[in-house]
Amino acid sequence: MNTTEERGRITARVSTSVAEKLQEAADLTGATLNQFLVQSALKEANRVIEREHTIRYTREDAAMLINLLDSPPSPNPALAKAFAQYKTKVENGILTIRAGSGT
């Protein structure tokens, strides 16, 4: 079975000096200009996505988080009230809980 992936097109207008610099870099890596641009853009896209999906914290932050997980604080009055209201809604059939849905 032969399947082909649909392809999109990206175009960019750049100055001659930028185009020449990109072409030189592509030539030095042995890639076509298009290959070089796609590889470079994809590398940067992955870096940005990874940076945005990574949570960085200090040792003090990590220690505080572990302490909170080991010894969670008691619910404050607002949380206790919200939980009681939620529980009432579930018991009265206003809300239903489905496995894996979070509601």
Protein backbone atom coordinates (compact mmCIF):
# COMPACT_ATOMS: atom_id res chain seq x y z
CA MET A 1 0.00 0.00 0.00
CA ASN A 2 1.51 3.30 -1.08
CA THR A 3 0.44 6.33 0.96
CA THR A 4 1.68 9.82 0.41
CA GLU A 5 1.70 12.50 3.04
CA GLU A 6 0.11 15.78 2.04
CA ARG A 7 2.66 18.56 1.87
CA GLY A 8 2.35 22.23 2.64
CA ARG A 9 4.35 25.08 1.21
CA ILE A 10 6.16 27.79 3.11
CA THR A 11 7.55 30.81 1.31
CA ALA A 12 9.61 33.70 2.58
CA ARG A 13 10.93 36.82 0.95
CA VAL A 14 14.38 37.81 2.18
CA SER A 15 17.02 40.29 1.16
CA THR A 16 19.72 39.19 -1.24
CA SER A 17 22.33 39.23 1.52
CA VAL A 18 20.21 36.92 3.71
CA ALA A 19 19.53 34.59 0.78
CA GLU A 20 23.26 34.42 -0.03
CA LYS A 21 24.18 33.68 3.59
CA LEU A 22 21.55 30.92 3.81
CA GLN A 23 22.73 29.44 0.53
CA GLU A 24 26.35 29.47 1.74
CA ALA A 25 25.38 27.67 4.93
CA ALA A 26 23.34 25.13 2.96
CA ASP A 27 26.29 24.54 0.62
CA LEU A 28 28.65 24.03 3.56
CA THR A 29 26.36 21.37 5.04
CA GLY A 30 25.82 19.62 1.71
CA ALA A 31 22.09 20.29 1.73
CA THR A 32 19.87 22.07 -0.71
CA LEU A 33 18.66 25.48 0.40
CA ASN A 34 15.19 24.08 0.97
CA GLN A 35 16.54 21.15 3.04
CA PHE A 36 18.71 23.50 5.08
CA LEU A 37 15.81 25.87 5.79
CA VAL A 38 13.44 23.08 6.80
CA GLN A 39 16.03 21.34 9.00
CA SER A 40 17.02 24.61 10.68
CA ALA A 41 13.45 25.73 11.24
CA LEU A 42 12.44 22.32 12.60
CA LYS A 43 15.41 22.26 14.97
CA GLU A 44 14.45 25.69 16.33
CA ALA A 45 10.77 24.73 16.54
CA ASN A 46 11.66 21.67 18.62
CA ARG A 47 13.87 23.79 20.88
CA VAL A 48 11.09 26.34 21.48
CA ILE A 49 8.46 23.66 22.13
CA GLU A 50 10.75 21.79 24.53
CA ARG A 51 11.54 25.02 26.39
CA GLU A 52 7.86 25.85 26.77
CA HIS A 53 6.92 22.33 27.92
CA THR A 54 9.71 22.04 30.48
CA ILE A 55 9.25 23.23 34.03
CA ARG A 56 12.47 24.38 35.62
CA TYR A 57 12.78 24.86 39.36
CA THR A 58 15.42 25.34 42.02
CA ARG A 59 16.40 22.83 44.67
CA GLU A 60 14.40 24.88 47.16
CA ASP A 61 11.35 24.71 44.90
CA ALA A 62 11.75 20.94 44.57
CA ALA A 63 12.10 20.51 48.34
CA MET A 64 8.98 22.62 48.93
CA LEU A 65 7.00 20.57 46.38
CA ILE A 66 8.09 17.27 47.91
CA ASN A 67 7.20 18.57 51.37
CA LEU A 68 3.74 19.61 50.16
CA LEU A 69 3.21 16.19 48.57
CA ASP A 70 4.35 14.40 51.73
CA SER A 71 2.40 16.66 54.10
CA PRO A 72 -0.38 18.45 52.25
CA PRO A 73 -2.02 21.36 54.07
CA SER A 74 -5.59 21.05 55.32
CA PRO A 75 -8.25 22.37 52.94
CA ASN A 76 -9.17 26.00 53.55
CA PRO A 77 -12.86 26.90 54.09
CA ALA A 78 -13.40 27.87 50.43
CA LEU A 79 -12.05 24.53 49.18
CA ALA A 80 -14.09 22.58 51.74
CA LYS A 81 -17.24 24.46 50.65
CA ALA A 82 -16.51 23.88 46.95
CA PHE A 83 -15.96 20.16 47.53
CA ALA A 84 -19.21 19.88 49.50
CA GLN A 85 -21.11 21.59 46.66
CA TYR A 86 -19.48 19.32 44.11
CA LYS A 87 -20.30 16.21 46.14
CA THR A 88 -23.93 17.31 46.46
CA LYS A 89 -24.20 17.82 42.69
CA VAL A 90 -22.74 14.37 42.01
CA GLU A 91 -25.07 12.73 44.52
CA ASN A 92 -28.11 14.50 43.01
CA GLY A 93 -27.14 13.45 39.48
CA ILE A 94 -26.42 16.99 38.32
CA LEU A 95 -22.83 15.98 37.55
CA THR A 96 -21.68 12.56 36.43
CA ILE A 97 -18.21 11.20 36.87
CA ARG A 98 -16.72 9.24 33.98
CA ALA A 99 -13.47 7.32 34.30
CA GLY A 100 -10.60 9.25 32.78
CA SER A 101 -12.64 12.34 31.97
CA GLY A 102 -11.75 14.39 35.03
CA THR A 103 -15.43 15.32 35.53
